[in-house]
Amino acid sequence: MRAIELFRLRRVRDKPRAITEITTHAGLSPADARAFLHAAIGGDRPVLHLADDAAARVCIVALAPLGFVGRFAPAGNFDAPQRAQAAILAARHRLPAAVSDAIGALLLAGDWERALDHGLQHLRMHAPADDAERALLERTAIDVGLVAGVPGRA
């Protein structure tokens, strides 16, 4: 079981689609999904419970284009900065020295979000889609809430 928390990034333009996505992925009734949606729009950070990490990632990605940011909810077995740092350190050997040094400096400064984003951007440009380290950083970006959709599009 994996809990994710959602919050609104920007105006939600397609509430019916958001309700459908929440209903589909979390198994909530339409009324409960609507209440959940309104809590997120109102500034709360409601929590959805999904079957596992993979289901949680699919739900986060499905809701991102609708104006939501989702991330794994803090729990005893999940700490976002630690997860990001572990993924970055596991992938650093695939990065050129200059990129690796820049990421290391960001980590030392405590800016793990930018470090993860920088490494992921490089691997998206220079590694195939099925690359193990690229996939690791992509999964980690979803887990920690760096997937935010495209502002202005629904």
N, C-alpha and C. Protein backbone atom coordinates (compact mmCIF):
# COMPACT_ATOMS: atom_id res chain seq x y z
N MET A 1 0.85 -1.18 0.00
CA MET A 1 0.00 0.00 0.00
C MET A 1 0.89 1.23 0.00
N ARG A 2 0.60 2.18 -0.87
CA ARG A 2 1.38 3.42 -0.95
C ARG A 2 0.41 4.59 -0.88
N ALA A 3 0.71 5.53 -0.03
CA ALA A 3 -0.10 6.74 0.09
C ALA A 3 0.59 7.86 -0.69
N ILE A 4 -0.21 8.61 -1.43
CA ILE A 4 0.31 9.80 -2.11
C ILE A 4 -0.50 10.99 -1.66
N GLU A 5 0.16 12.13 -1.61
CA GLU A 5 -0.54 13.36 -1.29
C GLU A 5 -0.57 14.21 -2.56
N LEU A 6 -1.67 14.89 -2.74
CA LEU A 6 -1.86 15.74 -3.92
C LEU A 6 -2.10 17.17 -3.49
N PHE A 7 -1.59 18.08 -4.29
CA PHE A 7 -1.94 19.47 -4.10
C PHE A 7 -2.02 20.13 -5.46
N ARG A 8 -2.72 21.23 -5.50
CA ARG A 8 -3.00 21.91 -6.75
C ARG A 8 -1.82 22.78 -7.13
N LEU A 9 -1.39 22.63 -8.39
CA LEU A 9 -0.33 23.47 -8.92
C LEU A 9 -0.91 24.73 -9.54
N ARG A 10 -1.98 24.58 -10.26
CA ARG A 10 -2.59 25.68 -10.99
C ARG A 10 -4.07 25.38 -11.14
N ARG A 11 -4.77 26.25 -11.83
CA ARG A 11 -6.20 26.10 -12.02
C ARG A 11 -6.52 24.76 -12.68
N VAL A 12 -7.49 24.07 -12.15
CA VAL A 12 -7.93 22.80 -12.70
C VAL A 12 -8.99 23.10 -13.74
N ARG A 13 -8.71 22.79 -14.98
CA ARG A 13 -9.62 23.16 -16.07
C ARG A 13 -10.60 22.06 -16.42
N ASP A 14 -10.31 20.85 -16.05
CA ASP A 14 -11.16 19.73 -16.45
C ASP A 14 -11.49 18.89 -15.22
N LYS A 15 -12.40 19.39 -14.40
CA LYS A 15 -12.76 18.69 -13.17
C LYS A 15 -13.36 17.32 -13.43
N PRO A 16 -14.23 17.17 -14.44
CA PRO A 16 -14.77 15.82 -14.69
C PRO A 16 -13.67 14.79 -15.00
N ARG A 17 -12.67 15.21 -15.77
CA ARG A 17 -11.57 14.29 -16.08
C ARG A 17 -10.75 13.98 -14.83
N ALA A 18 -10.53 14.99 -13.99
CA ALA A 18 -9.79 14.77 -12.75
C ALA A 18 -10.54 13.79 -11.85
N ILE A 19 -11.85 13.96 -11.76
CA ILE A 19 -12.66 13.04 -10.95
C ILE A 19 -12.58 11.63 -11.52
N THR A 20 -12.64 11.52 -12.84
CA THR A 20 -12.54 10.20 -13.48
C THR A 20 -11.19 9.57 -13.19
N GLU A 21 -10.11 10.33 -13.27
CA GLU A 21 -8.78 9.79 -13.00
C GLU A 21 -8.67 9.33 -11.54
N ILE A 22 -9.17 10.13 -10.62
CA ILE A 22 -9.11 9.76 -9.21
C ILE A 22 -9.94 8.50 -8.96
N THR A 23 -11.13 8.45 -9.55
CA THR A 23 -12.00 7.28 -9.40
C THR A 23 -11.33 6.04 -9.97
N THR A 24 -10.75 6.18 -11.15
CA THR A 24 -10.11 5.04 -11.82
C THR A 24 -8.92 4.52 -11.04
N HIS A 25 -8.05 5.41 -10.63
CA HIS A 25 -6.79 4.98 -10.03
C HIS A 25 -6.89 4.64 -8.55
N ALA A 26 -7.76 5.34 -7.84
CA ALA A 26 -7.83 5.12 -6.39
C ALA A 26 -9.03 4.29 -5.97
N GLY A 27 -9.95 4.02 -6.91
CA GLY A 27 -11.11 3.20 -6.58
C GLY A 27 -12.12 3.92 -5.71
N LEU A 28 -12.12 5.24 -5.72
CA LEU A 28 -13.10 5.99 -4.94
C LEU A 28 -14.41 6.11 -5.71
N SER A 29 -15.48 6.33 -5.00
CA SER A 29 -16.75 6.62 -5.65
C SER A 29 -16.66 8.02 -6.26
N PRO A 30 -17.50 8.33 -7.24
CA PRO A 30 -17.46 9.69 -7.81
C PRO A 30 -17.68 10.78 -6.76
N ALA A 31 -18.54 10.54 -5.80
CA ALA A 31 -18.79 11.55 -4.76
C ALA A 31 -17.54 11.74 -3.88
N ASP A 32 -16.88 10.64 -3.51
CA ASP A 32 -15.66 10.74 -2.71
C ASP A 32 -14.53 11.38 -3.52
N ALA A 33 -14.46 11.05 -4.81
CA ALA A 33 -13.44 11.65 -5.68
C ALA A 33 -13.66 13.15 -5.80
N ARG A 34 -14.93 13.56 -5.91
CA ARG A 34 -15.25 14.99 -5.99
C ARG A 34 -14.84 15.69 -4.70
N ALA A 35 -15.14 15.10 -3.55
CA ALA A 35 -14.75 15.69 -2.26
C ALA A 35 -13.23 15.78 -2.15
N PHE A 36 -12.54 14.74 -2.60
CA PHE A 36 -11.09 14.73 -2.60
C PHE A 36 -10.55 15.86 -3.48
N LEU A 37 -11.12 15.98 -4.69
CA LEU A 37 -10.72 17.01 -5.64
C LEU A 37 -10.92 18.40 -5.03
N HIS A 38 -12.04 18.63 -4.42
CA HIS A 38 -12.32 19.94 -3.84
C HIS A 38 -11.39 20.24 -2.67
N ALA A 39 -11.01 19.22 -1.92
CA ALA A 39 -10.03 19.43 -0.84
C ALA A 39 -8.68 19.86 -1.42
N ALA A 40 -8.27 19.21 -2.49
CA ALA A 40 -6.99 19.57 -3.12
C ALA A 40 -7.05 20.98 -3.72
N ILE A 41 -8.15 21.30 -4.36
CA ILE A 41 -8.31 22.63 -4.96
C ILE A 41 -8.36 23.70 -3.87
N GLY A 42 -8.94 23.36 -2.72
CA GLY A 42 -9.06 24.30 -1.62
C GLY A 42 -7.77 24.55 -0.86
N GLY A 43 -6.70 23.86 -1.23
CA GLY A 43 -5.41 24.11 -0.58
C GLY A 43 -4.98 23.03 0.39
N ASP A 44 -5.84 22.06 0.64
CA ASP A 44 -5.43 20.94 1.50
C ASP A 44 -4.49 20.05 0.72
N ARG A 45 -3.92 19.09 1.38
CA ARG A 45 -3.09 18.07 0.73
C ARG A 45 -3.68 16.70 1.08
N PRO A 46 -4.81 16.38 0.45
CA PRO A 46 -5.45 15.11 0.77
C PRO A 46 -4.57 13.94 0.34
N VAL A 47 -4.80 12.81 0.97
CA VAL A 47 -3.98 11.62 0.74
C VAL A 47 -4.82 10.54 0.10
N LEU A 48 -4.30 9.97 -0.99
CA LEU A 48 -4.91 8.81 -1.64
C LEU A 48 -4.10 7.59 -1.29
N HIS A 49 -4.77 6.48 -1.10
CA HIS A 49 -4.09 5.22 -0.83
C HIS A 49 -4.24 4.33 -2.05
N LEU A 50 -3.08 3.91 -2.59
CA LEU A 50 -3.07 3.06 -3.78
C LEU A 50 -2.39 1.74 -3.46
N ALA A 51 -2.56 0.79 -4.36
CA ALA A 51 -2.12 -0.58 -4.11
C ALA A 51 -0.61 -0.69 -3.87
N ASP A 52 0.19 -0.02 -4.68
CA ASP A 52 1.64 -0.14 -4.57
C ASP A 52 2.32 1.07 -5.19
N ASP A 53 3.65 1.05 -5.21
CA ASP A 53 4.40 2.18 -5.76
C ASP A 53 4.09 2.41 -7.23
N ALA A 54 3.98 1.34 -8.01
CA ALA A 54 3.72 1.49 -9.45
C ALA A 54 2.35 2.14 -9.68
N ALA A 55 1.34 1.71 -8.96
CA ALA A 55 0.01 2.31 -9.09
C ALA A 55 0.03 3.78 -8.67
N ALA A 56 0.79 4.09 -7.64
CA ALA A 56 0.90 5.47 -7.19
C ALA A 56 1.54 6.34 -8.26
N ARG A 57 2.60 5.84 -8.89
CA ARG A 57 3.26 6.61 -9.96
C ARG A 57 2.33 6.84 -11.14
N VAL A 58 1.56 5.83 -11.52
CA VAL A 58 0.62 5.97 -12.64
C VAL A 58 -0.42 7.04 -12.31
N CYS A 59 -0.92 7.05 -11.10
CA CYS A 59 -1.91 8.05 -10.69
C CYS A 59 -1.31 9.46 -10.68
N ILE A 60 -0.10 9.60 -10.16
CA ILE A 60 0.56 10.91 -10.12
C ILE A 60 0.74 11.46 -11.53
N VAL A 61 1.21 10.61 -12.43
CA VAL A 61 1.44 11.04 -13.82
C VAL A 61 0.12 11.37 -14.51
N ALA A 62 -0.94 10.62 -14.24
CA ALA A 62 -2.24 10.87 -14.86
C ALA A 62 -2.83 12.20 -14.42
N LEU A 63 -2.59 12.59 -13.17
CA LEU A 63 -3.16 13.84 -12.65
C LEU A 63 -2.30 15.07 -12.93
N ALA A 64 -1.03 14.88 -13.28
CA ALA A 64 -0.13 16.01 -13.51
C ALA A 64 -0.62 16.96 -14.60
N PRO A 65 -1.07 16.46 -15.76
CA PRO A 65 -1.52 17.41 -16.79
C PRO A 65 -2.79 18.16 -16.42
N LEU A 66 -3.46 17.72 -15.37
CA LEU A 66 -4.71 18.34 -14.95
C LEU A 66 -4.50 19.44 -13.91
N GLY A 67 -3.25 19.70 -13.57
CA GLY A 67 -2.95 20.79 -12.65
C GLY A 67 -2.57 20.37 -11.25
N PHE A 68 -2.29 19.10 -11.03
CA PHE A 68 -1.95 18.61 -9.70
C PHE A 68 -0.50 18.17 -9.62
N VAL A 69 0.07 18.36 -8.47
CA VAL A 69 1.37 17.78 -8.16
C VAL A 69 1.09 16.69 -7.15
N GLY A 70 1.60 15.53 -7.41
CA GLY A 70 1.45 14.42 -6.47
C GLY A 70 2.83 13.94 -6.07
N ARG A 71 2.91 13.38 -4.90
CA ARG A 71 4.16 12.78 -4.44
C ARG A 71 3.84 11.75 -3.39
N PHE A 72 4.77 10.85 -3.18
CA PHE A 72 4.59 9.88 -2.13
C PHE A 72 4.46 10.63 -0.81
N ALA A 73 3.50 10.23 -0.02
CA ALA A 73 3.31 10.88 1.28
C ALA A 73 4.45 10.49 2.21
N PRO A 74 4.89 11.42 3.05
CA PRO A 74 5.95 11.08 4.00
C PRO A 74 5.52 9.89 4.86
N ALA A 75 6.43 8.97 5.03
CA ALA A 75 6.15 7.77 5.82
C ALA A 75 7.46 7.27 6.42
N GLY A 76 7.36 6.31 7.28
CA GLY A 76 8.56 5.77 7.91
C GLY A 76 9.55 5.18 6.92
N ASN A 77 9.04 4.63 5.81
CA ASN A 77 9.93 4.02 4.83
C ASN A 77 10.18 4.92 3.63
N PHE A 78 9.79 6.18 3.70
CA PHE A 78 10.00 7.09 2.57
C PHE A 78 10.39 8.47 3.06
N ASP A 79 11.53 8.93 2.61
CA ASP A 79 12.01 10.28 2.88
C ASP A 79 12.48 10.84 1.54
N ALA A 80 11.82 11.88 1.05
CA ALA A 80 12.08 12.39 -0.31
C ALA A 80 13.54 12.78 -0.53
N PRO A 81 14.16 13.57 0.35
CA PRO A 81 15.56 13.92 0.10
C PRO A 81 16.49 12.69 0.06
N GLN A 82 16.26 11.75 0.94
CA GLN A 82 17.10 10.54 0.94
C GLN A 82 16.88 9.72 -0.32
N ARG A 83 15.63 9.58 -0.75
CA ARG A 83 15.32 8.82 -1.97
C ARG A 83 15.99 9.48 -3.17
N ALA A 84 15.88 10.80 -3.27
CA ALA A 84 16.48 11.53 -4.39
C ALA A 84 18.00 11.39 -4.38
N GLN A 85 18.60 11.57 -3.23
CA GLN A 85 20.05 11.49 -3.14
C GLN A 85 20.55 10.09 -3.49
N ALA A 86 19.87 9.07 -3.02
CA ALA A 86 20.29 7.69 -3.34
C ALA A 86 20.21 7.42 -4.84
N ALA A 87 19.14 7.91 -5.49
CA ALA A 87 19.00 7.71 -6.93
C ALA A 87 20.08 8.46 -7.70
N ILE A 88 20.34 9.69 -7.28
CA ILE A 88 21.36 10.50 -7.96
C ILE A 88 22.73 9.83 -7.83
N LEU A 89 23.05 9.38 -6.63
CA LEU A 89 24.36 8.74 -6.43
C LEU A 89 24.48 7.45 -7.23
N ALA A 90 23.37 6.75 -7.39
CA ALA A 90 23.40 5.51 -8.18
C ALA A 90 23.60 5.80 -9.67
N ALA A 91 23.18 6.96 -10.13
CA ALA A 91 23.25 7.29 -11.56
C ALA A 91 24.44 8.16 -11.93
N ARG A 92 25.15 8.68 -10.96
CA ARG A 92 26.23 9.64 -11.24
C ARG A 92 27.31 9.08 -12.15
N HIS A 93 27.56 7.79 -12.09
CA HIS A 93 28.63 7.20 -12.92
C HIS A 93 28.32 7.31 -14.42
N ARG A 94 27.06 7.53 -14.77
CA ARG A 94 26.66 7.66 -16.17
C ARG A 94 26.75 9.09 -16.68
N LEU A 95 27.09 10.02 -15.83
CA LEU A 95 27.11 11.43 -16.19
C LEU A 95 28.53 11.91 -16.43
N PRO A 96 28.68 12.87 -17.35
CA PRO A 96 30.01 13.46 -17.56
C PRO A 96 30.49 14.15 -16.28
N ALA A 97 31.80 14.32 -16.18
CA ALA A 97 32.39 14.88 -14.96
C ALA A 97 31.81 16.25 -14.61
N ALA A 98 31.62 17.11 -15.59
CA ALA A 98 31.10 18.46 -15.31
C ALA A 98 29.68 18.39 -14.74
N VAL A 99 28.84 17.53 -15.31
CA VAL A 99 27.46 17.39 -14.82
C VAL A 99 27.47 16.76 -13.42
N SER A 100 28.30 15.75 -13.25
CA SER A 100 28.41 15.09 -11.96
C SER A 100 28.89 16.07 -10.88
N ASP A 101 29.86 16.90 -11.22
CA ASP A 101 30.35 17.90 -10.26
C ASP A 101 29.26 18.91 -9.91
N ALA A 102 28.51 19.36 -10.91
CA ALA A 102 27.43 20.32 -10.66
C ALA A 102 26.37 19.71 -9.76
N ILE A 103 26.04 18.46 -10.02
CA ILE A 103 25.04 17.77 -9.19
C ILE A 103 25.55 17.59 -7.77
N GLY A 104 26.82 17.22 -7.65
CA GLY A 104 27.42 17.08 -6.32
C GLY A 104 27.37 18.37 -5.54
N ALA A 105 27.64 19.49 -6.21
CA ALA A 105 27.59 20.80 -5.54
C ALA A 105 26.16 21.12 -5.09
N LEU A 106 25.18 20.79 -5.93
CA LEU A 106 23.79 21.02 -5.55
C LEU A 106 23.40 20.17 -4.34
N LEU A 107 23.85 18.92 -4.34
CA LEU A 107 23.55 18.05 -3.19
C LEU A 107 24.19 18.58 -1.91
N LEU A 108 25.43 19.03 -2.02
CA LEU A 108 26.11 19.58 -0.83
C LEU A 108 25.39 20.82 -0.31
N ALA A 109 24.77 21.57 -1.21
CA ALA A 109 24.02 22.76 -0.81
C ALA A 109 22.62 22.42 -0.31
N GLY A 110 22.25 21.14 -0.36
CA GLY A 110 20.93 20.72 0.11
C GLY A 110 19.84 20.88 -0.93
N ASP A 111 20.20 21.17 -2.16
CA ASP A 111 19.22 21.39 -3.22
C ASP A 111 19.03 20.11 -4.03
N TRP A 112 18.47 19.11 -3.37
CA TRP A 112 18.33 17.80 -4.01
C TRP A 112 17.34 17.83 -5.17
N GLU A 113 16.32 18.71 -5.12
CA GLU A 113 15.36 18.79 -6.23
C GLU A 113 16.04 19.22 -7.53
N ARG A 114 16.85 20.27 -7.45
CA ARG A 114 17.56 20.73 -8.65
C ARG A 114 18.60 19.72 -9.10
N ALA A 115 19.25 19.06 -8.15
CA ALA A 115 20.24 18.04 -8.50
C ALA A 115 19.59 16.90 -9.27
N LEU A 116 18.45 16.44 -8.78
CA LEU A 116 17.73 15.36 -9.45
C LEU A 116 17.26 15.81 -10.83
N ASP A 117 16.71 17.00 -10.91
CA ASP A 117 16.23 17.53 -12.18
C ASP A 117 17.37 17.68 -13.18
N HIS A 118 18.51 18.16 -12.73
CA HIS A 118 19.67 18.35 -13.61
C HIS A 118 20.17 17.01 -14.17
N GLY A 119 20.29 16.02 -13.31
CA GLY A 119 20.72 14.70 -13.77
C GLY A 119 19.72 14.07 -14.72
N LEU A 120 18.45 14.22 -14.41
CA LEU A 120 17.41 13.65 -15.26
C LEU A 120 17.37 14.33 -16.62
N GLN A 121 17.51 15.64 -16.64
CA GLN A 121 17.53 16.34 -17.92
C GLN A 121 18.68 15.85 -18.80
N HIS A 122 19.84 15.67 -18.20
CA HIS A 122 20.98 15.20 -18.98
C HIS A 122 20.72 13.79 -19.55
N LEU A 123 20.22 12.90 -18.71
CA LEU A 123 19.99 11.53 -19.18
C LEU A 123 18.86 11.47 -20.21
N ARG A 124 17.87 12.33 -20.10
CA ARG A 124 16.81 12.36 -21.11
C ARG A 124 17.36 12.78 -22.48
N MET A 125 18.39 13.60 -22.47
CA MET A 125 18.99 14.05 -23.73
C MET A 125 20.01 13.04 -24.28
N HIS A 126 20.67 12.30 -23.41
CA HIS A 126 21.82 11.51 -23.83
C HIS A 126 21.72 10.01 -23.58
N ALA A 127 20.61 9.55 -23.06
CA ALA A 127 20.46 8.12 -22.80
C ALA A 127 19.14 7.65 -23.41
N PRO A 128 19.09 6.40 -23.88
CA PRO A 128 17.84 5.89 -24.44
C PRO A 128 16.75 5.77 -23.37
N ALA A 129 15.52 5.71 -23.81
CA ALA A 129 14.39 5.66 -22.89
C ALA A 129 14.42 4.45 -21.97
N ASP A 130 15.02 3.36 -22.42
CA ASP A 130 15.05 2.14 -21.60
C ASP A 130 16.31 2.03 -20.73
N ASP A 131 17.08 3.08 -20.64
CA ASP A 131 18.29 3.10 -19.83
C ASP A 131 17.91 2.97 -18.35
N ALA A 132 18.61 2.10 -17.63
CA ALA A 132 18.26 1.81 -16.23
C ALA A 132 18.40 3.04 -15.33
N GLU A 133 19.48 3.80 -15.48
CA GLU A 133 19.68 4.97 -14.62
C GLU A 133 18.68 6.07 -14.95
N ARG A 134 18.37 6.23 -16.23
CA ARG A 134 17.35 7.22 -16.61
C ARG A 134 16.00 6.83 -16.02
N ALA A 135 15.64 5.56 -16.11
CA ALA A 135 14.38 5.09 -15.55
C ALA A 135 14.34 5.29 -14.03
N LEU A 136 15.47 5.04 -13.37
CA LEU A 136 15.55 5.24 -11.92
C LEU A 136 15.29 6.70 -11.57
N LEU A 137 15.93 7.62 -12.28
CA LEU A 137 15.73 9.05 -11.98
C LEU A 137 14.31 9.50 -12.34
N GLU A 138 13.74 8.95 -13.41
CA GLU A 138 12.35 9.29 -13.76
C GLU A 138 11.38 8.82 -12.69
N ARG A 139 11.56 7.58 -12.20
CA ARG A 139 10.69 7.07 -11.13
C ARG A 139 10.84 7.92 -9.87
N THR A 140 12.08 8.26 -9.56
CA THR A 140 12.34 9.05 -8.35
C THR A 140 11.72 10.44 -8.47
N ALA A 141 11.78 11.05 -9.65
CA ALA A 141 11.17 12.37 -9.85
C ALA A 141 9.66 12.31 -9.60
N ILE A 142 9.03 11.22 -10.02
CA ILE A 142 7.60 11.05 -9.75
C ILE A 142 7.37 10.89 -8.25
N ASP A 143 8.18 10.05 -7.63
CA ASP A 143 8.01 9.77 -6.20
C ASP A 143 8.08 11.02 -5.33
N VAL A 144 8.99 11.93 -5.68
CA VAL A 144 9.24 13.09 -4.82
C VAL A 144 8.48 14.35 -5.23
N GLY A 145 7.66 14.27 -6.28
CA GLY A 145 6.79 15.38 -6.65
C GLY A 145 7.35 16.35 -7.65
N LEU A 146 8.31 15.92 -8.47
CA LEU A 146 8.87 16.82 -9.48
C LEU A 146 8.12 16.74 -10.81
N VAL A 147 7.12 15.89 -10.92
CA VAL A 147 6.32 15.80 -12.15
C VAL A 147 5.12 16.71 -11.96
N ALA A 148 5.07 17.79 -12.78
CA ALA A 148 4.04 18.80 -12.56
C ALA A 148 3.23 19.15 -13.80
N GLY A 149 3.32 18.39 -14.84
CA GLY A 149 2.54 18.69 -16.04
C GLY A 149 3.06 19.93 -16.75
N VAL A 150 2.29 20.41 -17.67
CA VAL A 150 2.68 21.59 -18.45
C VAL A 150 1.74 22.73 -18.07
N PRO A 151 2.23 23.80 -17.47
CA PRO A 151 1.37 24.91 -17.10
C PRO A 151 0.61 25.47 -18.29
N GLY A 152 -0.67 25.73 -18.08
CA GLY A 152 -1.49 26.34 -19.12
C GLY A 152 -2.18 25.36 -20.03
N ARG A 153 -1.91 24.09 -19.90
CA ARG A 153 -2.58 23.10 -20.74
C ARG A 153 -3.42 22.19 -19.86
N ALA A 154 -4.49 21.70 -20.45
CA ALA A 154 -5.36 20.80 -19.68
C ALA A 154 -5.40 19.44 -20.31
